[in-house]
Amino acid sequence: MKFSQKIKLKKFWNAVFRVAIPFFLFLVIISILFNSFTAIIAGDFATVSKINFDDNNWIPFFSIKIVASFLYGLYTANKNFK
């Protein structure tokens, strides 16, 4: 089945979001750990917030992960959808 036919099916989009949502959560957790590991271990969540989310830092933080998760979900669903 061609990709253009797959995107018309509701089951395809369910498969995309079933992959994209957990992958998004995984990316967010890994990014926060990578950016703020010492602050998390110290329990300084104000610093974690400041590094990742304050001063409109949340826009690129989440937008990149949303796009990457969606593209990964599309790729995986397309590859595995029959």
C-alpha atoms as a PDB file:
ATOM      1  CA  MET A   1       0.000   0.000   0.000  1.00  0.00           C
ATOM      2  CA  LYS A   2       1.317   3.438  -0.903  1.00  0.00           C
ATOM      3  CA  PHE A   3       1.969   6.113   1.688  1.00  0.00           C
ATOM      4  CA  SER A   4      -0.695   8.362   0.147  1.00  0.00           C
ATOM      5  CA  GLN A   5      -3.252   5.614   0.718  1.00  0.00           C
ATOM      6  CA  LYS A   6      -2.071   4.919   4.252  1.00  0.00           C
ATOM      7  CA  ILE A   7      -2.487   8.503   5.421  1.00  0.00           C
ATOM      8  CA  LYS A   8      -6.185   8.348   4.599  1.00  0.00           C
ATOM      9  CA  LEU A   9      -6.792   5.560   7.126  1.00  0.00           C
ATOM     10  CA  LYS A  10      -7.701   6.257  10.738  1.00  0.00           C
ATOM     11  CA  LYS A  11      -5.811   3.146  11.885  1.00  0.00           C
ATOM     12  CA  PHE A  12      -2.619   4.580  10.420  1.00  0.00           C
ATOM     13  CA  TRP A  13      -2.923   7.798  12.424  1.00  0.00           C
ATOM     14  CA  ASN A  14      -3.707   5.804  15.573  1.00  0.00           C
ATOM     15  CA  ALA A  15      -0.468   3.896  14.976  1.00  0.00           C
ATOM     16  CA  VAL A  16       1.432   7.154  14.432  1.00  0.00           C
ATOM     17  CA  PHE A  17       0.275   8.641  17.724  1.00  0.00           C
ATOM     18  CA  ARG A  18       0.729   5.353  19.603  1.00  0.00           C
ATOM     19  CA  VAL A  19       4.420   5.599  18.714  1.00  0.00           C
ATOM     20  CA  ALA A  20       4.850   9.398  18.828  1.00  0.00           C
ATOM     21  CA  ILE A  21       3.425  10.083  22.296  1.00  0.00           C
ATOM     22  CA  PRO A  22       5.654   7.662  24.256  1.00  0.00           C
ATOM     23  CA  PHE A  23       8.644   8.725  22.159  1.00  0.00           C
ATOM     24  CA  PHE A  24       7.880  12.383  22.982  1.00  0.00           C
ATOM     25  CA  LEU A  25       7.765  11.606  26.705  1.00  0.00           C
ATOM     26  CA  PHE A  26      11.021   9.669  26.420  1.00  0.00           C
ATOM     27  CA  LEU A  27      12.707  12.603  24.648  1.00  0.00           C
ATOM     28  CA  VAL A  28      11.486  15.092  27.246  1.00  0.00           C
ATOM     29  CA  ILE A  29      12.748  12.990  30.151  1.00  0.00           C
ATOM     30  CA  ILE A  30      16.123  12.310  28.526  1.00  0.00           C
ATOM     31  CA  SER A  31      16.550  15.996  27.590  1.00  0.00           C
ATOM     32  CA  ILE A  32      15.761  17.204  31.087  1.00  0.00           C
ATOM     33  CA  LEU A  33      18.154  14.661  32.570  1.00  0.00           C
ATOM     34  CA  PHE A  34      20.859  15.596  30.076  1.00  0.00           C
ATOM     35  CA  ASN A  35      20.455  19.366  30.557  1.00  0.00           C
ATOM     36  CA  SER A  36      19.935  19.434  34.324  1.00  0.00           C
ATOM     37  CA  PHE A  37      21.229  16.214  35.866  1.00  0.00           C
ATOM     38  CA  THR A  38      23.135  17.840  38.727  1.00  0.00           C
ATOM     39  CA  ALA A  39      20.223  20.118  39.613  1.00  0.00           C
ATOM     40  CA  ILE A  40      17.819  17.158  39.635  1.00  0.00           C
ATOM     41  CA  ILE A  41      20.111  15.101  41.869  1.00  0.00           C
ATOM     42  CA  ALA A  42      20.438  18.081  44.212  1.00  0.00           C
ATOM     43  CA  GLY A  43      16.652  18.530  44.257  1.00  0.00           C
ATOM     44  CA  ASP A  44      16.927  22.089  42.911  1.00  0.00           C
ATOM     45  CA  PHE A  45      13.889  22.110  40.663  1.00  0.00           C
ATOM     46  CA  ALA A  46      13.902  25.904  40.410  1.00  0.00           C
ATOM     47  CA  THR A  47      17.189  25.637  38.512  1.00  0.00           C
ATOM     48  CA  VAL A  48      15.776  22.862  36.337  1.00  0.00           C
ATOM     49  CA  SER A  49      12.852  25.121  35.480  1.00  0.00           C
ATOM     50  CA  LYS A  50      15.133  28.076  34.841  1.00  0.00           C
ATOM     51  CA  ILE A  51      17.428  26.111  32.526  1.00  0.00           C
ATOM     52  CA  ASN A  52      14.734  24.394  30.482  1.00  0.00           C
ATOM     53  CA  PHE A  53      11.537  26.435  30.622  1.00  0.00           C
ATOM     54  CA  ASP A  54      11.934  30.057  31.756  1.00  0.00           C
ATOM     55  CA  ASP A  55      12.313  33.047  29.396  1.00  0.00           C
ATOM     56  CA  ASN A  56      10.484  31.278  26.539  1.00  0.00           C
ATOM     57  CA  ASN A  57      13.014  28.422  26.550  1.00  0.00           C
ATOM     58  CA  TRP A  58      10.057  26.045  26.644  1.00  0.00           C
ATOM     59  CA  ILE A  59       9.130  26.894  23.032  1.00  0.00           C
ATOM     60  CA  PRO A  60      12.237  25.400  21.359  1.00  0.00           C
ATOM     61  CA  PHE A  61      12.473  22.737  24.080  1.00  0.00           C
ATOM     62  CA  PHE A  62       9.065  21.275  23.244  1.00  0.00           C
ATOM     63  CA  SER A  63       8.724  22.212  19.568  1.00  0.00           C
ATOM     64  CA  ILE A  64      11.815  20.276  18.507  1.00  0.00           C
ATOM     65  CA  LYS A  65      10.656  17.234  20.439  1.00  0.00           C
ATOM     66  CA  ILE A  66       7.115  17.421  19.038  1.00  0.00           C
ATOM     67  CA  VAL A  67       8.393  17.562  15.462  1.00  0.00           C
ATOM     68  CA  ALA A  68      10.932  14.784  16.023  1.00  0.00           C
ATOM     69  CA  SER A  69       8.333  12.577  17.717  1.00  0.00           C
ATOM     70  CA  PHE A  70       5.794  13.126  14.967  1.00  0.00           C
ATOM     71  CA  LEU A  71       8.322  12.346  12.233  1.00  0.00           C
ATOM     72  CA  TYR A  72       9.497   9.234  14.072  1.00  0.00           C
ATOM     73  CA  GLY A  73       5.886   8.140  14.539  1.00  0.00           C
ATOM     74  CA  LEU A  74       5.197   8.635  10.827  1.00  0.00           C
ATOM     75  CA  TYR A  75       8.295   6.716   9.839  1.00  0.00           C
ATOM     76  CA  THR A  76       7.633   3.827  12.217  1.00  0.00           C
ATOM     77  CA  ALA A  77       3.940   3.555  11.414  1.00  0.00           C
ATOM     78  CA  ASN A  78       4.622   3.694   7.680  1.00  0.00           C
ATOM     79  CA  LYS A  79       7.298   1.040   7.972  1.00  0.00           C
ATOM     80  CA  ASN A  80       5.174  -1.343  10.068  1.00  0.00           C
ATOM     81  CA  PHE A  81       1.702  -0.655   8.652  1.00  0.00           C
ATOM     82  CA  LYS A  82       0.305  -3.303   6.342  1.00  0.00           C
END
